[in-house]
Amino acid sequence: ALAQAFAALCEPEQVEAFLRDLCTPAELEAMADRWKV
């Protein structure tokens, strides 16, 4: 269900807003760190 919600979003700005609503700042930082490497 969560994957379907992501897949339904078309624009990076929508995904960013969804992530900010869904995750804590620490969770966002951890995911961004993983992607950065």
PDB file of all heavy atoms in Angstrom:
ATOM      1  N   ALA A   1       0.832  -1.204   0.000  1.00  0.00           N
ATOM      2  CA  ALA A   1       0.000   0.000   0.000  1.00  0.00           C
ATOM      3  C   ALA A   1       0.869   1.258   0.000  1.00  0.00           C
ATOM      4  O   ALA A   1       0.571   2.236  -0.704  1.00  0.00           O
ATOM      5  CB  ALA A   1      -0.939  -0.003   1.205  1.00  0.00           C
ATOM      6  N   LEU A   2       1.946   1.232   0.764  1.00  0.00           N
ATOM      7  CA  LEU A   2       2.860   2.365   0.795  1.00  0.00           C
ATOM      8  C   LEU A   2       3.537   2.545  -0.567  1.00  0.00           C
ATOM      9  O   LEU A   2       3.650   3.664  -1.077  1.00  0.00           O
ATOM     10  CB  LEU A   2       3.911   2.165   1.890  1.00  0.00           C
ATOM     11  CG  LEU A   2       4.914   3.290   2.096  1.00  0.00           C
ATOM     12  CD1 LEU A   2       4.230   4.615   2.422  1.00  0.00           C
ATOM     13  CD2 LEU A   2       5.899   2.899   3.188  1.00  0.00           C
ATOM     14  N   ALA A   3       3.957   1.447  -1.184  1.00  0.00           N
ATOM     15  CA  ALA A   3       4.585   1.517  -2.507  1.00  0.00           C
ATOM     16  C   ALA A   3       3.600   2.074  -3.531  1.00  0.00           C
ATOM     17  O   ALA A   3       3.985   2.875  -4.397  1.00  0.00           O
ATOM     18  CB  ALA A   3       5.076   0.131  -2.931  1.00  0.00           C
ATOM     19  N   GLN A   4       2.344   1.683  -3.440  1.00  0.00           N
ATOM     20  CA  GLN A   4       1.320   2.208  -4.351  1.00  0.00           C
ATOM     21  C   GLN A   4       1.152   3.719  -4.167  1.00  0.00           C
ATOM     22  O   GLN A   4       0.973   4.450  -5.142  1.00  0.00           O
ATOM     23  CB  GLN A   4      -0.020   1.496  -4.134  1.00  0.00           C
ATOM     24  CG  GLN A   4      -0.051   0.084  -4.653  1.00  0.00           C
ATOM     25  CD  GLN A   4       0.128   0.006  -6.154  1.00  0.00           C
ATOM     26  OE1 GLN A   4      -0.359   0.845  -6.905  1.00  0.00           O
ATOM     27  NE2 GLN A   4       0.862  -1.000  -6.601  1.00  0.00           N
ATOM     28  N   ALA A   5       1.222   4.173  -2.925  1.00  0.00           N
ATOM     29  CA  ALA A   5       1.109   5.618  -2.669  1.00  0.00           C
ATOM     30  C   ALA A   5       2.270   6.367  -3.316  1.00  0.00           C
ATOM     31  O   ALA A   5       2.066   7.403  -3.965  1.00  0.00           O
ATOM     32  CB  ALA A   5       1.069   5.891  -1.160  1.00  0.00           C
ATOM     33  N   PHE A   6       3.491   5.842  -3.180  1.00  0.00           N
ATOM     34  CA  PHE A   6       4.643   6.470  -3.840  1.00  0.00           C
ATOM     35  C   PHE A   6       4.465   6.459  -5.350  1.00  0.00           C
ATOM     36  O   PHE A   6       4.730   7.461  -6.020  1.00  0.00           O
ATOM     37  CB  PHE A   6       5.944   5.734  -3.488  1.00  0.00           C
ATOM     38  CG  PHE A   6       6.603   6.220  -2.235  1.00  0.00           C
ATOM     39  CD1 PHE A   6       6.535   5.473  -1.069  1.00  0.00           C
ATOM     40  CD2 PHE A   6       7.309   7.405  -2.210  1.00  0.00           C
ATOM     41  CE1 PHE A   6       7.151   5.903   0.090  1.00  0.00           C
ATOM     42  CE2 PHE A   6       7.932   7.848  -1.058  1.00  0.00           C
ATOM     43  CZ  PHE A   6       7.851   7.090   0.102  1.00  0.00           C
ATOM     44  N   ALA A   7       4.060   5.326  -5.884  1.00  0.00           N
ATOM     45  CA  ALA A   7       3.918   5.191  -7.335  1.00  0.00           C
ATOM     46  C   ALA A   7       2.853   6.126  -7.895  1.00  0.00           C
ATOM     47  O   ALA A   7       2.926   6.514  -9.062  1.00  0.00           O
ATOM     48  CB  ALA A   7       3.593   3.740  -7.692  1.00  0.00           C
ATOM     49  N   ALA A   8       1.887   6.509  -7.079  1.00  0.00           N
ATOM     50  CA  ALA A   8       0.812   7.392  -7.536  1.00  0.00           C
ATOM     51  C   ALA A   8       1.269   8.842  -7.666  1.00  0.00           C
ATOM     52  O   ALA A   8       0.613   9.645  -8.324  1.00  0.00           O
ATOM     53  CB  ALA A   8      -0.374   7.313  -6.571  1.00  0.00           C
ATOM     54  N   LEU A   9       2.400   9.172  -7.052  1.00  0.00           N
ATOM     55  CA  LEU A   9       2.906  10.546  -7.093  1.00  0.00           C
ATOM     56  C   LEU A   9       3.754  10.742  -8.345  1.00  0.00           C
ATOM     57  O   LEU A   9       4.632   9.937  -8.641  1.00  0.00           O
ATOM     58  CB  LEU A   9       3.711  10.840  -5.830  1.00  0.00           C
ATOM     59  CG  LEU A   9       2.919  10.668  -4.531  1.00  0.00           C
ATOM     60  CD1 LEU A   9       3.843  10.780  -3.331  1.00  0.00           C
ATOM     61  CD2 LEU A   9       1.789  11.669  -4.442  1.00  0.00           C
ATOM     62  N   CYS A  10       3.487  11.815  -9.062  1.00  0.00           N
ATOM     63  CA  CYS A  10       4.136  12.022 -10.363  1.00  0.00           C
ATOM     64  C   CYS A  10       5.298  13.003 -10.323  1.00  0.00           C
ATOM     65  O   CYS A  10       6.191  12.922 -11.163  1.00  0.00           O
ATOM     66  CB  CYS A  10       3.102  12.529 -11.373  1.00  0.00           C
ATOM     67  SG  CYS A  10       1.776  11.351 -11.649  1.00  0.00           S
ATOM     68  N   GLU A  11       5.288  13.920  -9.421  1.00  0.00           N
ATOM     69  CA  GLU A  11       6.297  14.980  -9.399  1.00  0.00           C
ATOM     70  C   GLU A  11       7.203  14.841  -8.178  1.00  0.00           C
ATOM     71  O   GLU A  11       6.723  14.491  -7.100  1.00  0.00           O
ATOM     72  CB  GLU A  11       5.615  16.351  -9.357  1.00  0.00           C
ATOM     73  CG  GLU A  11       4.725  16.639 -10.546  1.00  0.00           C
ATOM     74  CD  GLU A  11       5.489  16.662 -11.862  1.00  0.00           C
ATOM     75  OE1 GLU A  11       6.645  17.126 -11.867  1.00  0.00           O
ATOM     76  OE2 GLU A  11       4.926  16.198 -12.870  1.00  0.00           O
ATOM     77  N   PRO A  12       8.499  15.141  -8.341  1.00  0.00           N
ATOM     78  CA  PRO A  12       9.410  15.079  -7.197  1.00  0.00           C
ATOM     79  C   PRO A  12       8.929  15.918  -6.003  1.00  0.00           C
ATOM     80  O   PRO A  12       9.118  15.512  -4.860  1.00  0.00           O
ATOM     81  CB  PRO A  12      10.730  15.631  -7.759  1.00  0.00           C
ATOM     82  CG  PRO A  12      10.658  15.352  -9.219  1.00  0.00           C
ATOM     83  CD  PRO A  12       9.201  15.491  -9.586  1.00  0.00           C
ATOM     84  N   GLU A  13       8.302  17.043  -6.274  1.00  0.00           N
ATOM     85  CA  GLU A  13       7.810  17.895  -5.185  1.00  0.00           C
ATOM     86  C   GLU A  13       6.725  17.172  -4.378  1.00  0.00           C
ATOM     87  O   GLU A  13       6.639  17.337  -3.160  1.00  0.00           O
ATOM     88  CB  GLU A  13       7.245  19.215  -5.739  1.00  0.00           C
ATOM     89  CG  GLU A  13       8.278  20.089  -6.403  1.00  0.00           C
ATOM     90  CD  GLU A  13       8.619  19.682  -7.843  1.00  0.00           C
ATOM     91  OE1 GLU A  13       7.876  18.871  -8.455  1.00  0.00           O
ATOM     92  OE2 GLU A  13       9.650  20.152  -8.349  1.00  0.00           O
ATOM     93  N   GLN A  14       5.888  16.393  -5.074  1.00  0.00           N
ATOM     94  CA  GLN A  14       4.847  15.617  -4.389  1.00  0.00           C
ATOM     95  C   GLN A  14       5.476  14.528  -3.527  1.00  0.00           C
ATOM     96  O   GLN A  14       5.042  14.295  -2.400  1.00  0.00           O
ATOM     97  CB  GLN A  14       3.894  14.974  -5.400  1.00  0.00           C
ATOM     98  CG  GLN A  14       3.071  15.956  -6.194  1.00  0.00           C
ATOM     99  CD  GLN A  14       2.296  15.269  -7.306  1.00  0.00           C
ATOM    100  OE1 GLN A  14       2.742  14.265  -7.872  1.00  0.00           O
ATOM    101  NE2 GLN A  14       1.127  15.807  -7.615  1.00  0.00           N
ATOM    102  N   VAL A  15       6.480  13.861  -4.061  1.00  0.00           N
ATOM    103  CA  VAL A  15       7.158  12.807  -3.303  1.00  0.00           C
ATOM    104  C   VAL A  15       7.836  13.415  -2.078  1.00  0.00           C
ATOM    105  O   VAL A  15       7.751  12.867  -0.975  1.00  0.00           O
ATOM    106  CB  VAL A  15       8.175  12.051  -4.181  1.00  0.00           C
ATOM    107  CG1 VAL A  15       8.953  11.029  -3.349  1.00  0.00           C
ATOM    108  CG2 VAL A  15       7.471  11.366  -5.347  1.00  0.00           C
ATOM    109  N   GLU A  16       8.495  14.551  -2.246  1.00  0.00           N
ATOM    110  CA  GLU A  16       9.146  15.210  -1.116  1.00  0.00           C
ATOM    111  C   GLU A  16       8.136  15.581  -0.039  1.00  0.00           C
ATOM    112  O   GLU A  16       8.376  15.340   1.149  1.00  0.00           O
ATOM    113  CB  GLU A  16       9.897  16.463  -1.579  1.00  0.00           C
ATOM    114  CG  GLU A  16      10.622  17.149  -0.446  1.00  0.00           C
ATOM    115  CD  GLU A  16      11.405  18.385  -0.873  1.00  0.00           C
ATOM    116  OE1 GLU A  16      11.754  18.498  -2.060  1.00  0.00           O
ATOM    117  OE2 GLU A  16      11.648  19.231   0.004  1.00  0.00           O
ATOM    118  N   ALA A  17       6.998  16.141  -0.441  1.00  0.00           N
ATOM    119  CA  ALA A  17       5.961  16.507   0.539  1.00  0.00           C
ATOM    120  C   ALA A  17       5.452  15.262   1.264  1.00  0.00           C
ATOM    121  O   ALA A  17       5.261  15.279   2.489  1.00  0.00           O
ATOM    122  CB  ALA A  17       4.811  17.235  -0.159  1.00  0.00           C
ATOM    123  N   PHE A  18       5.240  14.172   0.522  1.00  0.00           N
ATOM    124  CA  PHE A  18       4.772  12.926   1.117  1.00  0.00           C
ATOM    125  C   PHE A  18       5.801  12.396   2.123  1.00  0.00           C
ATOM    126  O   PHE A  18       5.455  12.006   3.245  1.00  0.00           O
ATOM    127  CB  PHE A  18       4.493  11.906   0.013  1.00  0.00           C
ATOM    128  CG  PHE A  18       3.924  10.604   0.501  1.00  0.00           C
ATOM    129  CD1 PHE A  18       2.704  10.556   1.154  1.00  0.00           C
ATOM    130  CD2 PHE A  18       4.594   9.416   0.273  1.00  0.00           C
ATOM    131  CE1 PHE A  18       2.167   9.353   1.595  1.00  0.00           C
ATOM    132  CE2 PHE A  18       4.067   8.209   0.704  1.00  0.00           C
ATOM    133  CZ  PHE A  18       2.854   8.178   1.364  1.00  0.00           C
ATOM    134  N   LEU A  19       7.078  12.407   1.719  1.00  0.00           N
ATOM    135  CA  LEU A  19       8.131  11.945   2.620  1.00  0.00           C
ATOM    136  C   LEU A  19       8.190  12.796   3.890  1.00  0.00           C
ATOM    137  O   LEU A  19       8.345  12.269   4.996  1.00  0.00           O
ATOM    138  CB  LEU A  19       9.488  11.978   1.915  1.00  0.00           C
ATOM    139  CG  LEU A  19       9.756  10.855   0.927  1.00  0.00           C
ATOM    140  CD1 LEU A  19      10.986  11.171   0.084  1.00  0.00           C
ATOM    141  CD2 LEU A  19       9.922   9.530   1.640  1.00  0.00           C
ATOM    142  N   ARG A  20       8.066  14.119   3.738  1.00  0.00           N
ATOM    143  CA  ARG A  20       8.119  14.998   4.909  1.00  0.00           C
ATOM    144  C   ARG A  20       6.933  14.759   5.848  1.00  0.00           C
ATOM    145  O   ARG A  20       7.061  14.875   7.062  1.00  0.00           O
ATOM    146  CB  ARG A  20       8.179  16.462   4.477  1.00  0.00           C
ATOM    147  CG  ARG A  20       9.510  16.837   3.888  1.00  0.00           C
ATOM    148  CD  ARG A  20       9.601  18.328   3.569  1.00  0.00           C
ATOM    149  NE  ARG A  20      10.846  18.651   2.928  1.00  0.00           N
ATOM    150  CZ  ARG A  20      12.019  18.791   3.556  1.00  0.00           C
ATOM    151  NH1 ARG A  20      12.082  18.620   4.857  1.00  0.00           N
ATOM    152  NH2 ARG A  20      13.106  19.084   2.878  1.00  0.00           N
ATOM    153  N   ASP A  21       5.777  14.419   5.278  1.00  0.00           N
ATOM    154  CA  ASP A  21       4.610  14.097   6.104  1.00  0.00           C
ATOM    155  C   ASP A  21       4.752  12.734   6.767  1.00  0.00           C
ATOM    156  O   ASP A  21       4.316  12.532   7.900  1.00  0.00           O
ATOM    157  CB  ASP A  21       3.329  14.112   5.268  1.00  0.00           C
ATOM    158  CG  ASP A  21       2.873  15.502   4.875  1.00  0.00           C
ATOM    159  OD1 ASP A  21       3.359  16.491   5.465  1.00  0.00           O
ATOM    160  OD2 ASP A  21       2.022  15.608   3.976  1.00  0.00           O
ATOM    161  N   LEU A  22       5.358  11.799   6.076  1.00  0.00           N
ATOM    162  CA  LEU A  22       5.427  10.411   6.508  1.00  0.00           C
ATOM    163  C   LEU A  22       6.532  10.149   7.521  1.00  0.00           C
ATOM    164  O   LEU A  22       6.362   9.353   8.444  1.00  0.00           O
ATOM    165  CB  LEU A  22       5.637   9.516   5.275  1.00  0.00           C
ATOM    166  CG  LEU A  22       5.667   8.015   5.465  1.00  0.00           C
ATOM    167  CD1 LEU A  22       4.295   7.516   5.919  1.00  0.00           C
ATOM    168  CD2 LEU A  22       6.061   7.347   4.160  1.00  0.00           C
ATOM    169  N   CYS A  23       7.680  10.813   7.353  1.00  0.00           N
ATOM    170  CA  CYS A  23       8.884  10.473   8.103  1.00  0.00           C
ATOM    171  C   CYS A  23       9.284  11.564   9.081  1.00  0.00           C
ATOM    172  O   CYS A  23       8.998  12.734   8.866  1.00  0.00           O
ATOM    173  CB  CYS A  23      10.049  10.246   7.135  1.00  0.00           C
ATOM    174  SG  CYS A  23       9.756   8.959   5.920  1.00  0.00           S
ATOM    175  N   THR A  24      10.014  11.144  10.104  1.00  0.00           N
ATOM    176  CA  THR A  24      10.611  12.111  11.025  1.00  0.00           C
ATOM    177  C   THR A  24      11.851  12.707  10.343  1.00  0.00           C
ATOM    178  O   THR A  24      12.387  12.114   9.397  1.00  0.00           O
ATOM    179  CB  THR A  24      11.061  11.434  12.329  1.00  0.00           C
ATOM    180  OG1 THR A  24      12.134  10.522  12.029  1.00  0.00           O
ATOM    181  CG2 THR A  24       9.911  10.697  13.009  1.00  0.00           C
ATOM    182  N   PRO A  25      12.333  13.845  10.827  1.00  0.00           N
ATOM    183  CA  PRO A  25      13.567  14.394  10.260  1.00  0.00           C
ATOM    184  C   PRO A  25      14.735  13.401  10.319  1.00  0.00           C
ATOM    185  O   PRO A  25      15.515  13.304   9.375  1.00  0.00           O
ATOM    186  CB  PRO A  25      13.835  15.639  11.115  1.00  0.00           C
ATOM    187  CG  PRO A  25      12.464  16.089  11.529  1.00  0.00           C
ATOM    188  CD  PRO A  25      11.706  14.797  11.774  1.00  0.00           C
ATOM    189  N   ALA A  26      14.841  12.642  11.393  1.00  0.00           N
ATOM    190  CA  ALA A  26      15.923  11.660  11.514  1.00  0.00           C
ATOM    191  C   ALA A  26      15.776  10.548  10.475  1.00  0.00           C
ATOM    192  O   ALA A  26      16.778  10.093   9.895  1.00  0.00           O
ATOM    193  CB  ALA A  26      15.962  11.066  12.914  1.00  0.00           C
ATOM    194  N   GLU A  27      14.562  10.103  10.219  1.00  0.00           N
ATOM    195  CA  GLU A  27      14.332   9.075   9.199  1.00  0.00           C
ATOM    196  C   GLU A  27      14.681   9.600   7.810  1.00  0.00           C
ATOM    197  O   GLU A  27      15.299   8.889   7.008  1.00  0.00           O
ATOM    198  CB  GLU A  27      12.878   8.597   9.231  1.00  0.00           C
ATOM    199  CG  GLU A  27      12.537   7.801  10.475  1.00  0.00           C
ATOM    200  CD  GLU A  27      11.046   7.617  10.696  1.00  0.00           C
ATOM    201  OE1 GLU A  27      10.241   8.453  10.218  1.00  0.00           O
ATOM    202  OE2 GLU A  27      10.684   6.629  11.360  1.00  0.00           O
ATOM    203  N   LEU A  28      14.296  10.845   7.539  1.00  0.00           N
ATOM    204  CA  LEU A  28      14.634  11.451   6.249  1.00  0.00           C
ATOM    205  C   LEU A  28      16.143  11.565   6.070  1.00  0.00           C
ATOM    206  O   LEU A  28      16.676  11.268   5.000  1.00  0.00           O
ATOM    207  CB  LEU A  28      13.996  12.838   6.121  1.00  0.00           C
ATOM    208  CG  LEU A  28      12.491  12.861   5.941  1.00  0.00           C
ATOM    209  CD1 LEU A  28      11.972  14.293   6.039  1.00  0.00           C
ATOM    210  CD2 LEU A  28      12.103  12.237   4.614  1.00  0.00           C
ATOM    211  N   GLU A  29      16.826  11.974   7.127  1.00  0.00           N
ATOM    212  CA  GLU A  29      18.282  12.107   7.065  1.00  0.00           C
ATOM    213  C   GLU A  29      18.927  10.747   6.811  1.00  0.00           C
ATOM    214  O   GLU A  29      19.846  10.632   5.988  1.00  0.00           O
ATOM    215  CB  GLU A  29      18.817  12.716   8.361  1.00  0.00           C
ATOM    216  CG  GLU A  29      20.321  12.894   8.349  1.00  0.00           C
ATOM    217  CD  GLU A  29      20.856  13.501   9.633  1.00  0.00           C
ATOM    218  OE1 GLU A  29      20.106  13.687  10.606  1.00  0.00           O
ATOM    219  OE2 GLU A  29      22.076  13.761   9.655  1.00  0.00           O
ATOM    220  N   ALA A  30      18.450   9.709   7.484  1.00  0.00           N
ATOM    221  CA  ALA A  30      19.014   8.369   7.302  1.00  0.00           C
ATOM    222  C   ALA A  30      18.811   7.884   5.874  1.00  0.00           C
ATOM    223  O   ALA A  30      19.737   7.334   5.251  1.00  0.00           O
ATOM    224  CB  ALA A  30      18.385   7.391   8.297  1.00  0.00           C
ATOM    225  N   MET A  31      17.627   8.095   5.322  1.00  0.00           N
ATOM    226  CA  MET A  31      17.370   7.666   3.943  1.00  0.00           C
ATOM    227  C   MET A  31      18.205   8.474   2.950  1.00  0.00           C
ATOM    228  O   MET A  31      18.768   7.920   2.003  1.00  0.00           O
ATOM    229  CB  MET A  31      15.883   7.770   3.613  1.00  0.00           C
ATOM    230  CG  MET A  31      15.056   6.715   4.311  1.00  0.00           C
ATOM    231  SD  MET A  31      13.347   6.661   3.751  1.00  0.00           S
ATOM    232  CE  MET A  31      12.691   8.172   4.420  1.00  0.00           C
ATOM    233  N   ALA A  32      18.300   9.779   3.167  1.00  0.00           N
ATOM    234  CA  ALA A  32      19.094  10.634   2.279  1.00  0.00           C
ATOM    235  C   ALA A  32      20.570  10.245   2.339  1.00  0.00           C
ATOM    236  O   ALA A  32      21.252  10.227   1.309  1.00  0.00           O
ATOM    237  CB  ALA A  32      18.901  12.100   2.640  1.00  0.00           C
ATOM    238  N   ASP A  33      21.062   9.921   3.532  1.00  0.00           N
ATOM    239  CA  ASP A  33      22.451   9.479   3.669  1.00  0.00           C
ATOM    240  C   ASP A  33      22.697   8.208   2.863  1.00  0.00           C
ATOM    241  O   ASP A  33      23.705   8.087   2.167  1.00  0.00           O
ATOM    242  CB  ASP A  33      22.806   9.220   5.135  1.00  0.00           C
ATOM    243  CG  ASP A  33      23.073  10.482   5.928  1.00  0.00           C
ATOM    244  OD1 ASP A  33      23.154  11.574   5.319  1.00  0.00           O
ATOM    245  OD2 ASP A  33      23.187  10.379   7.169  1.00  0.00           O
ATOM    246  N   ARG A  34      21.775   7.261   2.968  1.00  0.00           N
ATOM    247  CA  ARG A  34      21.943   6.001   2.224  1.00  0.00           C
ATOM    248  C   ARG A  34      21.990   6.265   0.727  1.00  0.00           C
ATOM    249  O   ARG A  34      22.841   5.730   0.012  1.00  0.00           O
ATOM    250  CB  ARG A  34      20.815   5.023   2.556  1.00  0.00           C
ATOM    251  CG  ARG A  34      20.903   4.506   3.968  1.00  0.00           C
ATOM    252  CD  ARG A  34      19.758   3.543   4.260  1.00  0.00           C
ATOM    253  NE  ARG A  34      19.635   3.374   5.687  1.00  0.00           N
ATOM    254  CZ  ARG A  34      18.507   3.536   6.361  1.00  0.00           C
ATOM    255  NH1 ARG A  34      17.393   3.839   5.739  1.00  0.00           N
ATOM    256  NH2 ARG A  34      18.491   3.372   7.662  1.00  0.00           N
ATOM    257  N   TRP A  35      21.060   7.092   0.262  1.00  0.00           N
ATOM    258  CA  TRP A  35      20.996   7.375  -1.178  1.00  0.00           C
ATOM    259  C   TRP A  35      22.235   8.134  -1.636  1.00  0.00           C
ATOM    260  O   TRP A  35      22.744   7.919  -2.732  1.00  0.00           O
ATOM    261  CB  TRP A  35      19.716   8.131  -1.489  1.00  0.00           C
ATOM    262  CG  TRP A  35      19.537   8.388  -2.948  1.00  0.00           C
ATOM    263  CD1 TRP A  35      19.478   9.602  -3.558  1.00  0.00           C
ATOM    264  CD2 TRP A  35      19.397   7.420  -3.996  1.00  0.00           C
ATOM    265  NE1 TRP A  35      19.318   9.447  -4.915  1.00  0.00           N
ATOM    266  CE2 TRP A  35      19.263   8.109  -5.206  1.00  0.00           C
ATOM    267  CE3 TRP A  35      19.380   6.025  -4.017  1.00  0.00           C
ATOM    268  CZ2 TRP A  35      19.114   7.471  -6.436  1.00  0.00           C
ATOM    269  CZ3 TRP A  35      19.226   5.384  -5.242  1.00  0.00           C
ATOM    270  CH2 TRP A  35      19.088   6.105  -6.429  1.00  0.00           C
ATOM    271  N   LYS A  36      22.753   9.005  -0.787  1.00  0.00           N
ATOM    272  CA  LYS A  36      23.923   9.831  -1.122  1.00  0.00           C
ATOM    273  C   LYS A  36      25.156   8.987  -1.402  1.00  0.00           C
ATOM    274  O   LYS A  36      25.981   9.360  -2.237  1.00  0.00           O
ATOM    275  CB  LYS A  36      24.201  10.779   0.059  1.00  0.00           C
ATOM    276  CG  LYS A  36      25.288  11.787  -0.156  1.00  0.00           C
ATOM    277  CD  LYS A  36      25.618  12.589   1.101  1.00  0.00           C
ATOM    278  CE  LYS A  36      24.417  12.971   1.932  1.00  0.00           C
ATOM    279  NZ  LYS A  36      24.752  13.775   3.107  1.00  0.00           N
ATOM    280  N   VAL A  37      25.295   7.844  -0.736  1.00  0.00           N
ATOM    281  CA  VAL A  37      26.506   7.046  -0.915  1.00  0.00           C
ATOM    282  C   VAL A  37      26.424   6.088  -2.108  1.00  0.00           C
ATOM    283  O   VAL A  37      27.451   5.578  -2.562  1.00  0.00           O
ATOM    284  CB  VAL A  37      26.905   6.265   0.363  1.00  0.00           C
ATOM    285  CG1 VAL A  37      27.091   7.218   1.526  1.00  0.00           C
ATOM    286  CG2 VAL A  37      25.928   5.173   0.690  1.00  0.00           C
TER     287      VAL A  37
END
